[in-house]
Amino acid sequence: MTEKNILAYFKSPEEAQSVSRRLESMRVADMSIDYFSRYSGGFNDAYIPANGQLTTLGTAATGHPDAGVMAAADPSASGMSDGGAGGPTGRNVLLTVVIDEADFHQALSLIEEAGGMI
């Protein structure tokens, strides 16, 4: 059984979930839906002085010290920004599918009809 993979980008998680439910009737080996943003991680309040780690603007926003540097350097972090440098907008939901080669073209059509960008 030969498999192929598909990476499809959607505007909302609901669009991707709708397509994933329709794809489940095919021979799917693996499938996932992920959201991505400008910086990795999400809010994490584990960085507290009591455990020796200082909460900084970046680590509080991202939960990761390395990504926190980028978050703290962003113009919107100062409070003086007009907010015009927003993060990824549009297609920031990724549907990843590993599917049997026999269903590959049908899955591509289904994704494109649902508004996904391949």
C-alpha atoms as a PDB file:
ATOM      1  CA  MET A   1       0.000   0.000   0.000  1.00  0.00           C
ATOM      2  CA  THR A   2       1.568   3.267  -1.161  1.00  0.00           C
ATOM      3  CA  GLU A   3       0.747   6.421   0.766  1.00  0.00           C
ATOM      4  CA  LYS A   4       0.914  10.098  -0.113  1.00  0.00           C
ATOM      5  CA  ASN A   5       0.759  13.141   2.097  1.00  0.00           C
ATOM      6  CA  ILE A   6      -1.217  16.353   1.808  1.00  0.00           C
ATOM      7  CA  LEU A   7      -0.624  19.661   3.569  1.00  0.00           C
ATOM      8  CA  ALA A   8      -3.688  21.893   3.282  1.00  0.00           C
ATOM      9  CA  TYR A   9      -4.164  25.348   4.794  1.00  0.00           C
ATOM     10  CA  PHE A  10      -7.524  26.651   6.004  1.00  0.00           C
ATOM     11  CA  LYS A  11      -8.892  29.903   7.394  1.00  0.00           C
ATOM     12  CA  SER A  12     -10.622  28.316  10.384  1.00  0.00           C
ATOM     13  CA  PRO A  13     -10.417  25.129  12.454  1.00  0.00           C
ATOM     14  CA  GLU A  14     -14.072  24.452  11.635  1.00  0.00           C
ATOM     15  CA  GLU A  15     -13.315  24.285   7.902  1.00  0.00           C
ATOM     16  CA  ALA A  16     -10.468  21.842   8.510  1.00  0.00           C
ATOM     17  CA  GLN A  17     -12.574  19.698  10.870  1.00  0.00           C
ATOM     18  CA  SER A  18     -15.389  19.533   8.356  1.00  0.00           C
ATOM     19  CA  VAL A  19     -13.021  18.243   5.677  1.00  0.00           C
ATOM     20  CA  SER A  20     -11.347  15.815   8.096  1.00  0.00           C
ATOM     21  CA  ARG A  21     -14.711  14.201   8.899  1.00  0.00           C
ATOM     22  CA  ARG A  22     -15.326  13.684   5.170  1.00  0.00           C
ATOM     23  CA  LEU A  23     -11.821  12.293   4.649  1.00  0.00           C
ATOM     24  CA  GLU A  24     -12.302   9.681   7.389  1.00  0.00           C
ATOM     25  CA  SER A  25     -14.412   7.617   4.978  1.00  0.00           C
ATOM     26  CA  MET A  26     -11.314   7.170   2.797  1.00  0.00           C
ATOM     27  CA  ARG A  27      -8.177   5.145   3.517  1.00  0.00           C
ATOM     28  CA  VAL A  28      -6.444   7.651   5.785  1.00  0.00           C
ATOM     29  CA  ALA A  29      -3.337   6.403   7.592  1.00  0.00           C
ATOM     30  CA  ASP A  30      -2.893   9.550   9.696  1.00  0.00           C
ATOM     31  CA  MET A  31      -4.459  12.977   9.973  1.00  0.00           C
ATOM     32  CA  SER A  32      -3.973  16.030  12.199  1.00  0.00           C
ATOM     33  CA  ILE A  33      -5.148  19.613  12.469  1.00  0.00           C
ATOM     34  CA  ASP A  34      -2.742  22.199  13.840  1.00  0.00           C
ATOM     35  CA  TYR A  35      -2.903  25.933  14.416  1.00  0.00           C
ATOM     36  CA  PHE A  36       0.200  28.055  14.034  1.00  0.00           C
ATOM     37  CA  SER A  37       1.016  31.625  14.972  1.00  0.00           C
ATOM     38  CA  ARG A  38       3.878  34.046  14.667  1.00  0.00           C
ATOM     39  CA  TYR A  39       5.533  32.728  17.836  1.00  0.00           C
ATOM     40  CA  SER A  40       5.595  29.176  19.129  1.00  0.00           C
ATOM     41  CA  GLY A  41       3.799  28.067  22.261  1.00  0.00           C
ATOM     42  CA  GLY A  42       0.961  29.681  24.121  1.00  0.00           C
ATOM     43  CA  PHE A  43       0.561  31.574  27.365  1.00  0.00           C
ATOM     44  CA  ASN A  44       2.446  29.908  30.165  1.00  0.00           C
ATOM     45  CA  ASP A  45       2.496  31.199  33.726  1.00  0.00           C
ATOM     46  CA  ALA A  46       5.053  28.635  34.972  1.00  0.00           C
ATOM     47  CA  TYR A  47       7.791  31.262  34.856  1.00  0.00           C
ATOM     48  CA  ILE A  48       7.630  32.710  38.348  1.00  0.00           C
ATOM     49  CA  PRO A  49      10.325  34.200  40.578  1.00  0.00           C
ATOM     50  CA  ALA A  50       9.616  31.627  43.307  1.00  0.00           C
ATOM     51  CA  ASN A  51      11.211  28.898  41.226  1.00  0.00           C
ATOM     52  CA  GLY A  52      14.127  31.045  40.086  1.00  0.00           C
ATOM     53  CA  GLN A  53      12.793  31.906  36.650  1.00  0.00           C
ATOM     54  CA  LEU A  54      11.788  35.470  36.048  1.00  0.00           C
ATOM     55  CA  THR A  55       8.615  36.198  34.195  1.00  0.00           C
ATOM     56  CA  THR A  56       9.484  38.390  31.257  1.00  0.00           C
ATOM     57  CA  LEU A  57       7.265  39.853  28.611  1.00  0.00           C
ATOM     58  CA  GLY A  58       8.417  37.244  26.104  1.00  0.00           C
ATOM     59  CA  THR A  59       8.308  34.120  28.251  1.00  0.00           C
ATOM     60  CA  ALA A  60       4.898  35.032  29.667  1.00  0.00           C
ATOM     61  CA  ALA A  61       3.534  35.487  26.158  1.00  0.00           C
ATOM     62  CA  THR A  62       5.027  32.381  24.584  1.00  0.00           C
ATOM     63  CA  GLY A  63       6.111  30.042  27.362  1.00  0.00           C
ATOM     64  CA  HIS A  64       9.435  29.539  25.595  1.00  0.00           C
ATOM     65  CA  PRO A  65      12.477  31.711  26.379  1.00  0.00           C
ATOM     66  CA  ASP A  66      13.836  31.560  22.822  1.00  0.00           C
ATOM     67  CA  ALA A  67      10.535  32.532  21.200  1.00  0.00           C
ATOM     68  CA  GLY A  68      10.050  35.028  24.013  1.00  0.00           C
ATOM     69  CA  VAL A  69      12.929  37.120  22.694  1.00  0.00           C
ATOM     70  CA  MET A  70      11.084  37.562  19.411  1.00  0.00           C
ATOM     71  CA  ALA A  71       7.795  38.324  21.158  1.00  0.00           C
ATOM     72  CA  ALA A  72       9.399  40.976  23.373  1.00  0.00           C
ATOM     73  CA  ALA A  73      11.095  42.586  20.352  1.00  0.00           C
ATOM     74  CA  ASP A  74       7.819  42.891  18.460  1.00  0.00           C
ATOM     75  CA  PRO A  75       6.656  46.515  18.013  1.00  0.00           C
ATOM     76  CA  SER A  76       3.265  45.665  19.523  1.00  0.00           C
ATOM     77  CA  ALA A  77       4.932  44.652  22.832  1.00  0.00           C
ATOM     78  CA  SER A  78       5.757  48.268  23.746  1.00  0.00           C
ATOM     79  CA  GLY A  79       2.183  49.471  23.974  1.00  0.00           C
ATOM     80  CA  MET A  80       3.149  52.320  21.677  1.00  0.00           C
ATOM     81  CA  SER A  81       2.295  50.431  18.491  1.00  0.00           C
ATOM     82  CA  ASP A  82      -0.783  50.974  16.377  1.00  0.00           C
ATOM     83  CA  GLY A  83      -1.208  47.197  16.253  1.00  0.00           C
ATOM     84  CA  GLY A  84      -0.645  47.037  12.512  1.00  0.00           C
ATOM     85  CA  ALA A  85       1.965  44.283  12.696  1.00  0.00           C
ATOM     86  CA  GLY A  86      -0.478  41.464  13.528  1.00  0.00           C
ATOM     87  CA  GLY A  87       0.403  37.804  13.278  1.00  0.00           C
ATOM     88  CA  PRO A  88      -0.475  35.379  10.544  1.00  0.00           C
ATOM     89  CA  THR A  89      -3.930  35.978   9.274  1.00  0.00           C
ATOM     90  CA  GLY A  90      -5.839  34.059   6.717  1.00  0.00           C
ATOM     91  CA  ARG A  91      -4.775  30.473   6.383  1.00  0.00           C
ATOM     92  CA  ASN A  92      -3.137  29.590   9.692  1.00  0.00           C
ATOM     93  CA  VAL A  93      -4.811  26.216  10.247  1.00  0.00           C
ATOM     94  CA  LEU A  94      -2.914  23.257   8.816  1.00  0.00           C
ATOM     95  CA  LEU A  95      -4.584  19.952   7.930  1.00  0.00           C
ATOM     96  CA  THR A  96      -1.999  17.205   7.428  1.00  0.00           C
ATOM     97  CA  VAL A  97      -3.199  13.976   5.828  1.00  0.00           C
ATOM     98  CA  VAL A  98      -1.412  10.730   5.005  1.00  0.00           C
ATOM     99  CA  ILE A  99      -3.670   8.838   2.629  1.00  0.00           C
ATOM    100  CA  ASP A 100      -3.628   5.791   0.374  1.00  0.00           C
ATOM    101  CA  GLU A 101      -2.505   6.634  -3.153  1.00  0.00           C
ATOM    102  CA  ALA A 102      -5.791   5.334  -4.592  1.00  0.00           C
ATOM    103  CA  ASP A 103      -7.741   8.060  -2.719  1.00  0.00           C
ATOM    104  CA  PHE A 104      -5.182  10.842  -3.169  1.00  0.00           C
ATOM    105  CA  HIS A 105      -6.779  12.749  -6.064  1.00  0.00           C
ATOM    106  CA  GLN A 106     -10.270  12.461  -4.586  1.00  0.00           C
ATOM    107  CA  ALA A 107      -8.961  13.851  -1.293  1.00  0.00           C
ATOM    108  CA  LEU A 108      -7.275  16.758  -3.101  1.00  0.00           C
ATOM    109  CA  SER A 109     -10.545  17.617  -4.841  1.00  0.00           C
ATOM    110  CA  LEU A 110     -12.479  17.424  -1.587  1.00  0.00           C
ATOM    111  CA  ILE A 111     -10.029  19.738   0.168  1.00  0.00           C
ATOM    112  CA  GLU A 112     -10.013  22.293  -2.645  1.00  0.00           C
ATOM    113  CA  GLU A 113     -13.830  22.307  -2.856  1.00  0.00           C
ATOM    114  CA  ALA A 114     -13.943  23.049   0.876  1.00  0.00           C
ATOM    115  CA  GLY A 115     -11.709  26.103   0.451  1.00  0.00           C
ATOM    116  CA  GLY A 116      -8.418  24.546   1.455  1.00  0.00           C
ATOM    117  CA  MET A 117      -5.166  25.705  -0.120  1.00  0.00           C
ATOM    118  CA  ILE A 118      -2.777  22.901  -1.014  1.00  0.00           C
END
